[in-house]
Amino acid sequence: MKQSVRRWLGDLFDTPFGFAVLACLTLAGWALWTGGVLDGPAARQVRTSSVYAAPGIDLDQAAAERIIGNRRLVVLLLEPGADLRQGCRQVERAAGGNVVLVMSRDADDYDTYGCALLPGRDDENFGRAAVAETIIGRGIDTFTDRPLEALKVVTVNYDLLVKAGTVPDGARTISPSLPRYLLTASAILAVVAGATVLYVGGRRAGRLADARRRRRDENADGRSALSAAAAVLAQQIIDLDQRYAAAPRRARLGDAEKACGREYRALTSDYVALLDRVSAVDGDDQDAVRGLIDRVDALSRRASAIGGSTDAG
């Protein structure tokens, strides 16, 4: 069973369709991972917000957001006794490029842990990151009962770091990850390609339907012309038959009448044979229909010639 499944998967992914499916699955997995499908509550919150408050923390989230504004600053307020270092690690990817302050109340003070997630913090900007982590939480212990006031102090500390050049200036930008851009672009391309295929397919189907309609009309016209020509020929033969039906009862027949009689009998035989072909012809076979029309016209001319010869005689 397992071998058959492996063989089926191998056969599938050896095809262009299977390769496309594998690429889409890979892209979707990448998008989910970079989009934070494995993130904890704090990381999910700070992807689009500058403040995270753990359950049970009394904080006006909207007011806290307004205090921080668009600074490259992220503040986590965790429950007392929480592992602050672990809190910083949890948001390292979600809050990359920002100064992060993790806070938790400890009796009448705040426990703080700063982590400046600045570019090059482990290399050329190591000293600046250390200074930012030390300064960002200063002076907030006075406001343990007023977290919004504590956040105002944090923002002042951040502005001082920016003014001193310790932290790069600039607003925080929140944008979708690259895979999300790719998925969006793929969706747009799929819609455009699908619409194009439907448009081109519709036009092609319309042209084919119009061509079939024209062929049906042409076939119907050809069949109608054949039926009309055959009806005229049939009437000519009926008229000739009335003339030659009494010929055997005449005592004497001239040579011209005998010759016309032979031509009439030959015409009648050809007409009977032609009727079988007319009844069996395929209306879509335009060449065969035109050929029969020409044949009927030829017989009609022969009938006119026989009738003219009889009248002259």
C-alpha atoms as a PDB file:
ATOM      1  CA  MET A   1       0.000   0.000   0.000  1.00  0.00           C
ATOM      2  CA  LYS A   2       2.769   2.433   0.950  1.00  0.00           C
ATOM      3  CA  GLN A   3       4.725   1.584  -2.189  1.00  0.00           C
ATOM      4  CA  SER A   4       1.683   2.230  -4.367  1.00  0.00           C
ATOM      5  CA  VAL A   5       1.152   5.593  -2.660  1.00  0.00           C
ATOM      6  CA  ARG A   6       4.798   6.512  -3.153  1.00  0.00           C
ATOM      7  CA  ARG A   7       4.609   5.433  -6.772  1.00  0.00           C
ATOM      8  CA  TRP A   8       1.449   7.501  -7.282  1.00  0.00           C
ATOM      9  CA  LEU A   9       3.062  10.553  -5.691  1.00  0.00           C
ATOM     10  CA  GLY A  10       6.167  10.061  -7.813  1.00  0.00           C
ATOM     11  CA  ASP A  11       4.080   9.844 -10.981  1.00  0.00           C
ATOM     12  CA  LEU A  12       2.120  12.930  -9.959  1.00  0.00           C
ATOM     13  CA  PHE A  13       5.079  15.173  -9.189  1.00  0.00           C
ATOM     14  CA  ASP A  14       6.881  14.096 -12.350  1.00  0.00           C
ATOM     15  CA  THR A  15       4.216  15.905 -14.367  1.00  0.00           C
ATOM     16  CA  PRO A  16       4.005  19.691 -14.917  1.00  0.00           C
ATOM     17  CA  PHE A  17       0.694  19.726 -13.056  1.00  0.00           C
ATOM     18  CA  GLY A  18       2.211  17.914 -10.085  1.00  0.00           C
ATOM     19  CA  PHE A  19       5.181  20.281 -10.064  1.00  0.00           C
ATOM     20  CA  ALA A  20       2.803  23.271 -10.078  1.00  0.00           C
ATOM     21  CA  VAL A  21       0.836  21.762  -7.182  1.00  0.00           C
ATOM     22  CA  LEU A  22       4.058  21.207  -5.216  1.00  0.00           C
ATOM     23  CA  ALA A  23       5.158  24.800  -5.886  1.00  0.00           C
ATOM     24  CA  CYS A  24       1.780  26.140  -4.725  1.00  0.00           C
ATOM     25  CA  LEU A  25       1.912  24.025  -1.565  1.00  0.00           C
ATOM     26  CA  THR A  26       5.429  25.250  -0.841  1.00  0.00           C
ATOM     27  CA  LEU A  27       4.417  28.869  -1.359  1.00  0.00           C
ATOM     28  CA  ALA A  28       1.338  28.432   0.827  1.00  0.00           C
ATOM     29  CA  GLY A  29       3.416  26.841   3.599  1.00  0.00           C
ATOM     30  CA  TRP A  30       5.959  29.636   3.387  1.00  0.00           C
ATOM     31  CA  ALA A  31       3.189  32.228   3.545  1.00  0.00           C
ATOM     32  CA  LEU A  32       1.638  30.581   6.591  1.00  0.00           C
ATOM     33  CA  TRP A  33       4.980  30.338   8.384  1.00  0.00           C
ATOM     34  CA  THR A  34       6.102  33.896   7.668  1.00  0.00           C
ATOM     35  CA  GLY A  35       2.582  35.152   8.313  1.00  0.00           C
ATOM     36  CA  GLY A  36       2.788  33.841  11.877  1.00  0.00           C
ATOM     37  CA  VAL A  37       0.707  30.690  11.864  1.00  0.00           C
ATOM     38  CA  LEU A  38       2.918  29.362  14.694  1.00  0.00           C
ATOM     39  CA  ASP A  39       3.047  32.653  16.603  1.00  0.00           C
ATOM     40  CA  GLY A  40       1.781  33.011  20.126  1.00  0.00           C
ATOM     41  CA  PRO A  41      -0.793  35.616  21.197  1.00  0.00           C
ATOM     42  CA  ALA A  42       1.804  38.331  21.795  1.00  0.00           C
ATOM     43  CA  ALA A  43       3.505  37.865  18.429  1.00  0.00           C
ATOM     44  CA  ARG A  44       0.196  37.859  16.568  1.00  0.00           C
ATOM     45  CA  GLN A  45      -0.820  41.069  18.342  1.00  0.00           C
ATOM     46  CA  VAL A  46       2.373  43.044  17.744  1.00  0.00           C
ATOM     47  CA  ARG A  47       2.447  42.223  14.034  1.00  0.00           C
ATOM     48  CA  THR A  48      -0.186  44.912  13.586  1.00  0.00           C
ATOM     49  CA  SER A  49      -0.062  46.733  16.930  1.00  0.00           C
ATOM     50  CA  SER A  50       2.514  48.457  19.123  1.00  0.00           C
ATOM     51  CA  VAL A  51       1.091  47.248  22.441  1.00  0.00           C
ATOM     52  CA  TYR A  52       0.263  43.834  23.840  1.00  0.00           C
ATOM     53  CA  ALA A  53      -1.436  43.380  27.177  1.00  0.00           C
ATOM     54  CA  ALA A  54      -1.744  39.892  28.634  1.00  0.00           C
ATOM     55  CA  PRO A  55      -5.182  38.679  29.733  1.00  0.00           C
ATOM     56  CA  GLY A  56      -6.060  40.211  33.081  1.00  0.00           C
ATOM     57  CA  ILE A  57      -4.012  43.395  32.556  1.00  0.00           C
ATOM     58  CA  ASP A  58      -6.228  46.469  32.847  1.00  0.00           C
ATOM     59  CA  LEU A  59      -5.148  48.640  29.918  1.00  0.00           C
ATOM     60  CA  ASP A  60      -6.961  50.923  27.506  1.00  0.00           C
ATOM     61  CA  GLN A  61      -5.577  49.441  24.288  1.00  0.00           C
ATOM     62  CA  ALA A  62      -6.711  52.262  22.013  1.00  0.00           C
ATOM     63  CA  ALA A  63      -5.255  54.961  24.303  1.00  0.00           C
ATOM     64  CA  ALA A  64      -1.989  53.038  24.547  1.00  0.00           C
ATOM     65  CA  GLU A  65      -1.807  52.816  20.752  1.00  0.00           C
ATOM     66  CA  ARG A  66      -2.312  56.574  20.466  1.00  0.00           C
ATOM     67  CA  ILE A  67       0.471  57.267  22.973  1.00  0.00           C
ATOM     68  CA  ILE A  68       3.055  55.231  21.081  1.00  0.00           C
ATOM     69  CA  GLY A  69       1.835  56.342  17.680  1.00  0.00           C
ATOM     70  CA  ASN A  70       3.931  55.258  14.724  1.00  0.00           C
ATOM     71  CA  ARG A  71       7.217  55.028  16.620  1.00  0.00           C
ATOM     72  CA  ARG A  72       9.371  51.971  16.081  1.00  0.00           C
ATOM     73  CA  LEU A  73       8.537  50.902  19.595  1.00  0.00           C
ATOM     74  CA  VAL A  74       6.713  47.823  20.885  1.00  0.00           C
ATOM     75  CA  VAL A  75       5.637  47.365  24.506  1.00  0.00           C
ATOM     76  CA  LEU A  76       4.490  44.081  26.063  1.00  0.00           C
ATOM     77  CA  LEU A  77       2.663  44.146  29.393  1.00  0.00           C
ATOM     78  CA  LEU A  78       2.765  40.629  30.806  1.00  0.00           C
ATOM     79  CA  GLU A  79       1.236  39.132  33.903  1.00  0.00           C
ATOM     80  CA  PRO A  80       3.277  39.291  37.167  1.00  0.00           C
ATOM     81  CA  GLY A  81       5.954  36.635  37.390  1.00  0.00           C
ATOM     82  CA  ALA A  82       6.089  36.041  33.621  1.00  0.00           C
ATOM     83  CA  ASP A  83       9.360  35.160  31.896  1.00  0.00           C
ATOM     84  CA  LEU A  84      10.244  38.505  30.302  1.00  0.00           C
ATOM     85  CA  ARG A  85      13.205  37.155  28.342  1.00  0.00           C
ATOM     86  CA  GLN A  86      10.952  34.518  26.800  1.00  0.00           C
ATOM     87  CA  GLY A  87       8.404  37.217  25.949  1.00  0.00           C
ATOM     88  CA  CYS A  88      11.054  39.073  23.980  1.00  0.00           C
ATOM     89  CA  ARG A  89      12.033  35.908  22.118  1.00  0.00           C
ATOM     90  CA  GLN A  90       8.434  35.227  21.192  1.00  0.00           C
ATOM     91  CA  VAL A  91       8.101  38.539  19.325  1.00  0.00           C
ATOM     92  CA  GLU A  92      11.601  38.636  17.845  1.00  0.00           C
ATOM     93  CA  ARG A  93      10.406  37.897  14.324  1.00  0.00           C
ATOM     94  CA  ALA A  94       7.071  39.721  14.542  1.00  0.00           C
ATOM     95  CA  ALA A  95       8.609  42.939  15.955  1.00  0.00           C
ATOM     96  CA  GLY A  96      11.902  42.862  14.066  1.00  0.00           C
ATOM     97  CA  GLY A  97      13.472  46.288  13.487  1.00  0.00           C
ATOM     98  CA  ASN A  98      11.841  47.853  16.575  1.00  0.00           C
ATOM     99  CA  VAL A  99      12.801  48.582  20.158  1.00  0.00           C
ATOM    100  CA  VAL A 100      10.863  46.187  22.391  1.00  0.00           C
ATOM    101  CA  LEU A 101      10.192  46.696  26.095  1.00  0.00           C
ATOM    102  CA  VAL A 102       8.700  43.801  28.060  1.00  0.00           C
ATOM    103  CA  MET A 103       7.104  44.826  31.358  1.00  0.00           C
ATOM    104  CA  SER A 104       5.389  43.063  34.244  1.00  0.00           C
ATOM    105  CA  ARG A 105       4.311  44.433  37.589  1.00  0.00           C
ATOM    106  CA  ASP A 106       6.281  43.290  40.631  1.00  0.00           C
ATOM    107  CA  ALA A 107       4.635  44.655  43.784  1.00  0.00           C
ATOM    108  CA  ASP A 108       5.264  48.412  43.673  1.00  0.00           C
ATOM    109  CA  ASP A 109       7.698  48.313  40.769  1.00  0.00           C
ATOM    110  CA  TYR A 110       7.963  47.066  37.218  1.00  0.00           C
ATOM    111  CA  ASP A 111      10.168  44.259  36.101  1.00  0.00           C
ATOM    112  CA  THR A 112      11.467  45.219  32.672  1.00  0.00           C
ATOM    113  CA  TYR A 113      13.425  43.558  29.948  1.00  0.00           C
ATOM    114  CA  GLY A 114      14.515  45.552  26.933  1.00  0.00           C
ATOM    115  CA  CYS A 115      15.439  44.033  23.613  1.00  0.00           C
ATOM    116  CA  ALA A 116      16.404  46.350  20.796  1.00  0.00           C
ATOM    117  CA  LEU A 117      15.690  44.316  17.666  1.00  0.00           C
ATOM    118  CA  LEU A 118      17.687  46.712  15.507  1.00  0.00           C
ATOM    119  CA  PRO A 119      19.484  45.749  12.299  1.00  0.00           C
ATOM    120  CA  GLY A 120      23.047  44.608  13.085  1.00  0.00           C
ATOM    121  CA  ARG A 121      22.394  44.463  16.830  1.00  0.00           C
ATOM    122  CA  ASP A 122      24.781  41.529  17.175  1.00  0.00           C
ATOM    123  CA  ASP A 123      27.554  43.202  15.159  1.00  0.00           C
ATOM    124  CA  GLU A 124      28.210  46.880  14.473  1.00  0.00           C
ATOM    125  CA  ASN A 125      25.137  48.112  16.381  1.00  0.00           C
ATOM    126  CA  PHE A 126      25.670  45.950  19.454  1.00  0.00           C
ATOM    127  CA  GLY A 127      26.583  48.920  21.675  1.00  0.00           C
ATOM    128  CA  ARG A 128      23.652  51.034  20.523  1.00  0.00           C
ATOM    129  CA  ALA A 129      21.267  48.161  21.118  1.00  0.00           C
ATOM    130  CA  ALA A 130      22.632  47.693  24.657  1.00  0.00           C
ATOM    131  CA  VAL A 131      22.206  51.407  25.436  1.00  0.00           C
ATOM    132  CA  ALA A 132      18.654  51.394  24.090  1.00  0.00           C
ATOM    133  CA  GLU A 133      17.743  48.347  26.153  1.00  0.00           C
ATOM    134  CA  THR A 134      19.108  50.021  29.288  1.00  0.00           C
ATOM    135  CA  ILE A 135      17.456  53.410  28.862  1.00  0.00           C
ATOM    136  CA  ILE A 136      14.051  52.530  27.350  1.00  0.00           C
ATOM    137  CA  GLY A 137      12.508  51.430  30.702  1.00  0.00           C
ATOM    138  CA  ARG A 138      13.848  54.132  32.996  1.00  0.00           C
ATOM    139  CA  GLY A 139      11.493  56.090  35.229  1.00  0.00           C
ATOM    140  CA  ILE A 140       8.378  53.967  34.870  1.00  0.00           C
ATOM    141  CA  ASP A 141       8.305  52.560  38.419  1.00  0.00           C
ATOM    142  CA  THR A 142       6.538  55.681  39.651  1.00  0.00           C
ATOM    143  CA  PHE A 143       3.449  54.779  37.607  1.00  0.00           C
ATOM    144  CA  THR A 144       2.818  51.152  38.532  1.00  0.00           C
ATOM    145  CA  ASP A 145      -0.898  51.898  39.052  1.00  0.00           C
ATOM    146  CA  ARG A 146      -1.150  53.991  35.872  1.00  0.00           C
ATOM    147  CA  PRO A 147       0.166  51.992  32.903  1.00  0.00           C
ATOM    148  CA  LEU A 148      -0.771  54.700  30.385  1.00  0.00           C
ATOM    149  CA  GLU A 149       1.446  57.197  32.209  1.00  0.00           C
ATOM    150  CA  ALA A 150       4.204  54.606  32.238  1.00  0.00           C
ATOM    151  CA  LEU A 151       3.853  54.294  28.479  1.00  0.00           C
ATOM    152  CA  LYS A 152       4.241  58.062  28.136  1.00  0.00           C
ATOM    153  CA  VAL A 153       7.553  57.844  29.991  1.00  0.00           C
ATOM    154  CA  VAL A 154       8.651  55.008  27.684  1.00  0.00           C
ATOM    155  CA  THR A 155       7.876  57.092  24.607  1.00  0.00           C
ATOM    156  CA  VAL A 156       9.875  60.002  26.043  1.00  0.00           C
ATOM    157  CA  ASN A 157      12.825  57.675  26.592  1.00  0.00           C
ATOM    158  CA  TYR A 158      12.482  56.437  23.012  1.00  0.00           C
ATOM    159  CA  ASP A 159      12.434  59.986  21.625  1.00  0.00           C
ATOM    160  CA  LEU A 160      15.584  60.781  23.585  1.00  0.00           C
ATOM    161  CA  LEU A 161      17.278  57.721  22.071  1.00  0.00           C
ATOM    162  CA  VAL A 162      16.258  58.835  18.595  1.00  0.00           C
ATOM    163  CA  LYS A 163      17.521  62.390  19.237  1.00  0.00           C
ATOM    164  CA  ALA A 164      20.845  61.003  20.453  1.00  0.00           C
ATOM    165  CA  GLY A 165      21.179  58.862  17.337  1.00  0.00           C
ATOM    166  CA  THR A 166      21.164  55.648  19.323  1.00  0.00           C
ATOM    167  CA  VAL A 167      18.008  54.433  17.624  1.00  0.00           C
ATOM    168  CA  PRO A 168      17.433  55.153  13.921  1.00  0.00           C
ATOM    169  CA  ASP A 169      14.692  57.643  13.244  1.00  0.00           C
ATOM    170  CA  GLY A 170      11.666  56.772  11.185  1.00  0.00           C
ATOM    171  CA  ALA A 171       8.114  55.525  11.488  1.00  0.00           C
ATOM    172  CA  ARG A 172       7.179  51.922  11.893  1.00  0.00           C
ATOM    173  CA  THR A 173       5.690  50.379   8.776  1.00  0.00           C
ATOM    174  CA  ILE A 174       3.513  47.299   8.904  1.00  0.00           C
ATOM    175  CA  SER A 175       3.341  45.474   5.598  1.00  0.00           C
ATOM    176  CA  PRO A 176       2.421  41.944   4.522  1.00  0.00           C
ATOM    177  CA  SER A 177       5.194  39.425   4.160  1.00  0.00           C
ATOM    178  CA  LEU A 178       6.678  38.597   0.774  1.00  0.00           C
ATOM    179  CA  PRO A 179       4.733  35.331   0.380  1.00  0.00           C
ATOM    180  CA  ARG A 180       1.511  37.235   0.926  1.00  0.00           C
ATOM    181  CA  TYR A 181       2.505  39.603  -1.852  1.00  0.00           C
ATOM    182  CA  LEU A 182       3.255  36.597  -4.039  1.00  0.00           C
ATOM    183  CA  LEU A 183      -0.054  34.959  -3.188  1.00  0.00           C
ATOM    184  CA  THR A 184      -1.890  38.209  -3.912  1.00  0.00           C
ATOM    185  CA  ALA A 185      -0.058  38.606  -7.212  1.00  0.00           C
ATOM    186  CA  SER A 186      -0.786  34.970  -8.057  1.00  0.00           C
ATOM    187  CA  ALA A 187      -4.464  35.459  -7.289  1.00  0.00           C
ATOM    188  CA  ILE A 188      -4.591  38.576  -9.484  1.00  0.00           C
ATOM    189  CA  LEU A 189      -2.766  36.787 -12.291  1.00  0.00           C
ATOM    190  CA  ALA A 190      -5.098  33.814 -11.930  1.00  0.00           C
ATOM    191  CA  VAL A 191      -8.144  36.074 -12.192  1.00  0.00           C
ATOM    192  CA  VAL A 192      -6.725  37.947 -15.187  1.00  0.00           C
ATOM    193  CA  ALA A 193      -5.629  34.726 -16.879  1.00  0.00           C
ATOM    194  CA  GLY A 194      -8.986  33.077 -16.180  1.00  0.00           C
ATOM    195  CA  ALA A 195     -10.872  36.080 -17.529  1.00  0.00           C
ATOM    196  CA  THR A 196      -8.643  36.125 -20.605  1.00  0.00           C
ATOM    197  CA  VAL A 197      -9.163  32.424 -21.202  1.00  0.00           C
ATOM    198  CA  LEU A 198     -12.916  32.822 -20.808  1.00  0.00           C
ATOM    199  CA  TYR A 199     -12.925  35.816 -23.158  1.00  0.00           C
ATOM    200  CA  VAL A 200     -10.804  34.131 -25.808  1.00  0.00           C
ATOM    201  CA  GLY A 201     -12.684  30.865 -25.396  1.00  0.00           C
ATOM    202  CA  GLY A 202     -16.009  32.674 -25.659  1.00  0.00           C
ATOM    203  CA  ARG A 203     -14.965  34.474 -28.821  1.00  0.00           C
ATOM    204  CA  ARG A 204     -13.670  31.239 -30.312  1.00  0.00           C
ATOM    205  CA  ALA A 205     -16.844  29.402 -29.361  1.00  0.00           C
ATOM    206  CA  GLY A 206     -18.867  32.235 -30.878  1.00  0.00           C
ATOM    207  CA  ARG A 207     -16.897  32.076 -34.119  1.00  0.00           C
ATOM    208  CA  LEU A 208     -17.318  28.296 -34.277  1.00  0.00           C
ATOM    209  CA  ALA A 209     -21.036  28.583 -33.587  1.00  0.00           C
ATOM    210  CA  ASP A 210     -21.381  31.267 -36.261  1.00  0.00           C
ATOM    211  CA  ALA A 211     -19.443  29.153 -38.751  1.00  0.00           C
ATOM    212  CA  ARG A 212     -21.657  26.142 -37.989  1.00  0.00           C
ATOM    213  CA  ARG A 213     -24.745  28.290 -38.422  1.00  0.00           C
ATOM    214  CA  ARG A 214     -23.511  29.561 -41.775  1.00  0.00           C
ATOM    215  CA  ARG A 215     -22.755  26.006 -42.864  1.00  0.00           C
ATOM    216  CA  ARG A 216     -26.218  24.898 -41.799  1.00  0.00           C
ATOM    217  CA  ASP A 217     -27.746  27.778 -43.716  1.00  0.00           C
ATOM    218  CA  GLU A 218     -25.657  26.969 -46.769  1.00  0.00           C
ATOM    219  CA  ASN A 219     -26.533  23.300 -46.487  1.00  0.00           C
ATOM    220  CA  ALA A 220     -30.202  24.166 -46.122  1.00  0.00           C
ATOM    221  CA  ASP A 221     -29.990  26.454 -49.174  1.00  0.00           C
ATOM    222  CA  GLY A 222     -28.227  23.785 -51.201  1.00  0.00           C
ATOM    223  CA  ARG A 223     -30.718  21.135 -50.186  1.00  0.00           C
ATOM    224  CA  SER A 224     -33.612  23.486 -51.019  1.00  0.00           C
ATOM    225  CA  ALA A 225     -32.116  24.231 -54.446  1.00  0.00           C
ATOM    226  CA  LEU A 226     -31.700  20.510 -55.103  1.00  0.00           C
ATOM    227  CA  SER A 227     -35.287  19.783 -54.049  1.00  0.00           C
ATOM    228  CA  ALA A 228     -36.613  22.587 -56.262  1.00  0.00           C
ATOM    229  CA  ALA A 229     -34.609  21.424 -59.276  1.00  0.00           C
ATOM    230  CA  ALA A 230     -35.725  17.824 -58.723  1.00  0.00           C
ATOM    231  CA  ALA A 231     -39.376  18.976 -58.515  1.00  0.00           C
ATOM    232  CA  VAL A 232     -39.069  20.819 -61.835  1.00  0.00           C
ATOM    233  CA  LEU A 233     -37.513  17.737 -63.453  1.00  0.00           C
ATOM    234  CA  ALA A 234     -40.272  15.534 -62.041  1.00  0.00           C
ATOM    235  CA  GLN A 235     -42.922  17.812 -63.571  1.00  0.00           C
ATOM    236  CA  GLN A 236     -41.138  17.707 -66.927  1.00  0.00           C
ATOM    237  CA  ILE A 237     -41.122  13.919 -66.874  1.00  0.00           C
ATOM    238  CA  ILE A 238     -44.819  13.863 -65.949  1.00  0.00           C
ATOM    239  CA  ASP A 239     -45.553  16.089 -68.917  1.00  0.00           C
ATOM    240  CA  LEU A 240     -43.492  13.859 -71.239  1.00  0.00           C
ATOM    241  CA  ASP A 241     -45.134  10.750 -69.836  1.00  0.00           C
ATOM    242  CA  GLN A 242     -48.561  12.049 -70.839  1.00  0.00           C
ATOM    243  CA  ARG A 243     -47.289  12.457 -74.364  1.00  0.00           C
ATOM    244  CA  TYR A 244     -45.586   9.114 -74.738  1.00  0.00           C
ATOM    245  CA  ALA A 245     -48.177   7.025 -72.881  1.00  0.00           C
ATOM    246  CA  ALA A 246     -50.431   7.086 -75.992  1.00  0.00           C
ATOM    247  CA  ALA A 247     -47.563   6.513 -78.451  1.00  0.00           C
ATOM    248  CA  PRO A 248     -47.741   2.663 -78.462  1.00  0.00           C
ATOM    249  CA  ARG A 249     -51.443   2.850 -79.370  1.00  0.00           C
ATOM    250  CA  ARG A 250     -50.705   4.742 -82.545  1.00  0.00           C
ATOM    251  CA  ALA A 251     -50.671   2.690 -85.719  1.00  0.00           C
ATOM    252  CA  ARG A 252     -47.575   4.189 -87.095  1.00  0.00           C
ATOM    253  CA  LEU A 253     -44.718   6.040 -85.450  1.00  0.00           C
ATOM    254  CA  GLY A 254     -42.291   8.190 -87.299  1.00  0.00           C
ATOM    255  CA  ASP A 255     -38.578   7.802 -86.927  1.00  0.00           C
ATOM    256  CA  ALA A 256     -38.386  11.049 -84.939  1.00  0.00           C
ATOM    257  CA  GLU A 257     -41.042   9.849 -82.509  1.00  0.00           C
ATOM    258  CA  LYS A 258     -39.251   6.516 -82.075  1.00  0.00           C
ATOM    259  CA  ALA A 259     -35.993   8.330 -81.344  1.00  0.00           C
ATOM    260  CA  CYS A 260     -37.721  10.631 -78.833  1.00  0.00           C
ATOM    261  CA  GLY A 261     -39.320   7.612 -77.191  1.00  0.00           C
ATOM    262  CA  ARG A 262     -35.966   5.976 -76.705  1.00  0.00           C
ATOM    263  CA  GLU A 263     -34.546   9.197 -75.252  1.00  0.00           C
ATOM    264  CA  TYR A 264     -37.568   9.495 -72.979  1.00  0.00           C
ATOM    265  CA  ARG A 265     -37.120   5.954 -71.630  1.00  0.00           C
ATOM    266  CA  ALA A 266     -33.407   6.639 -71.068  1.00  0.00           C
ATOM    267  CA  LEU A 267     -34.282   9.885 -69.317  1.00  0.00           C
ATOM    268  CA  THR A 268     -36.783   8.070 -67.116  1.00  0.00           C
ATOM    269  CA  SER A 269     -34.190   5.439 -66.142  1.00  0.00           C
ATOM    270  CA  ASP A 270     -31.613   8.114 -65.330  1.00  0.00           C
ATOM    271  CA  TYR A 271     -34.202   9.992 -63.294  1.00  0.00           C
ATOM    272  CA  VAL A 272     -35.076   6.894 -61.231  1.00  0.00           C
ATOM    273  CA  ALA A 273     -31.399   6.261 -60.551  1.00  0.00           C
ATOM    274  CA  LEU A 274     -30.924   9.906 -59.621  1.00  0.00           C
ATOM    275  CA  LEU A 275     -33.776   9.795 -57.105  1.00  0.00           C
ATOM    276  CA  ASP A 276     -31.900   7.180 -55.073  1.00  0.00           C
ATOM    277  CA  ARG A 277     -28.854   9.439 -54.954  1.00  0.00           C
ATOM    278  CA  VAL A 278     -30.923  12.500 -54.047  1.00  0.00           C
ATOM    279  CA  SER A 279     -32.618  10.702 -51.145  1.00  0.00           C
ATOM    280  CA  ALA A 280     -29.308   9.304 -49.840  1.00  0.00           C
ATOM    281  CA  VAL A 281     -27.140  12.421 -50.152  1.00  0.00           C
ATOM    282  CA  ASP A 282     -25.753  13.997 -46.971  1.00  0.00           C
ATOM    283  CA  GLY A 283     -26.985  17.571 -46.684  1.00  0.00           C
ATOM    284  CA  ASP A 284     -23.637  18.628 -45.139  1.00  0.00           C
ATOM    285  CA  ASP A 285     -21.719  17.390 -48.194  1.00  0.00           C
ATOM    286  CA  GLN A 286     -21.884  20.520 -50.289  1.00  0.00           C
ATOM    287  CA  ASP A 287     -19.822  19.055 -53.136  1.00  0.00           C
ATOM    288  CA  ALA A 288     -22.208  16.118 -53.490  1.00  0.00           C
ATOM    289  CA  VAL A 289     -25.254  18.428 -53.339  1.00  0.00           C
ATOM    290  CA  ARG A 290     -23.816  20.733 -56.019  1.00  0.00           C
ATOM    291  CA  GLY A 291     -22.968  17.701 -58.151  1.00  0.00           C
ATOM    292  CA  LEU A 292     -26.546  16.433 -57.908  1.00  0.00           C
ATOM    293  CA  ILE A 293     -27.904  19.882 -58.738  1.00  0.00           C
ATOM    294  CA  ASP A 294     -25.755  19.909 -61.881  1.00  0.00           C
ATOM    295  CA  ARG A 295     -26.964  16.389 -62.710  1.00  0.00           C
ATOM    296  CA  VAL A 296     -30.630  17.400 -62.251  1.00  0.00           C
ATOM    297  CA  ASP A 297     -30.091  20.472 -64.410  1.00  0.00           C
ATOM    298  CA  ALA A 298     -28.563  18.301 -67.117  1.00  0.00           C
ATOM    299  CA  LEU A 299     -31.550  15.910 -67.039  1.00  0.00           C
ATOM    300  CA  SER A 300     -33.898  18.886 -67.073  1.00  0.00           C
ATOM    301  CA  ARG A 301     -32.198  20.178 -70.238  1.00  0.00           C
ATOM    302  CA  ARG A 302     -32.545  16.731 -71.788  1.00  0.00           C
ATOM    303  CA  ALA A 303     -36.267  16.724 -70.901  1.00  0.00           C
ATOM    304  CA  SER A 304     -36.679  20.169 -72.460  1.00  0.00           C
ATOM    305  CA  ALA A 305     -34.887  18.961 -75.577  1.00  0.00           C
ATOM    306  CA  ILE A 306     -37.137  15.886 -75.860  1.00  0.00           C
ATOM    307  CA  GLY A 307     -40.226  18.007 -75.387  1.00  0.00           C
ATOM    308  CA  GLY A 308     -39.022  20.474 -78.013  1.00  0.00           C
ATOM    309  CA  SER A 309     -38.319  17.689 -80.480  1.00  0.00           C
ATOM    310  CA  THR A 310     -41.798  16.254 -79.967  1.00  0.00           C
ATOM    311  CA  ASP A 311     -43.428  19.636 -80.531  1.00  0.00           C
ATOM    312  CA  ALA A 312     -41.380  20.158 -83.679  1.00  0.00           C
ATOM    313  CA  GLY A 313     -42.394  16.700 -84.942  1.00  0.00           C
END
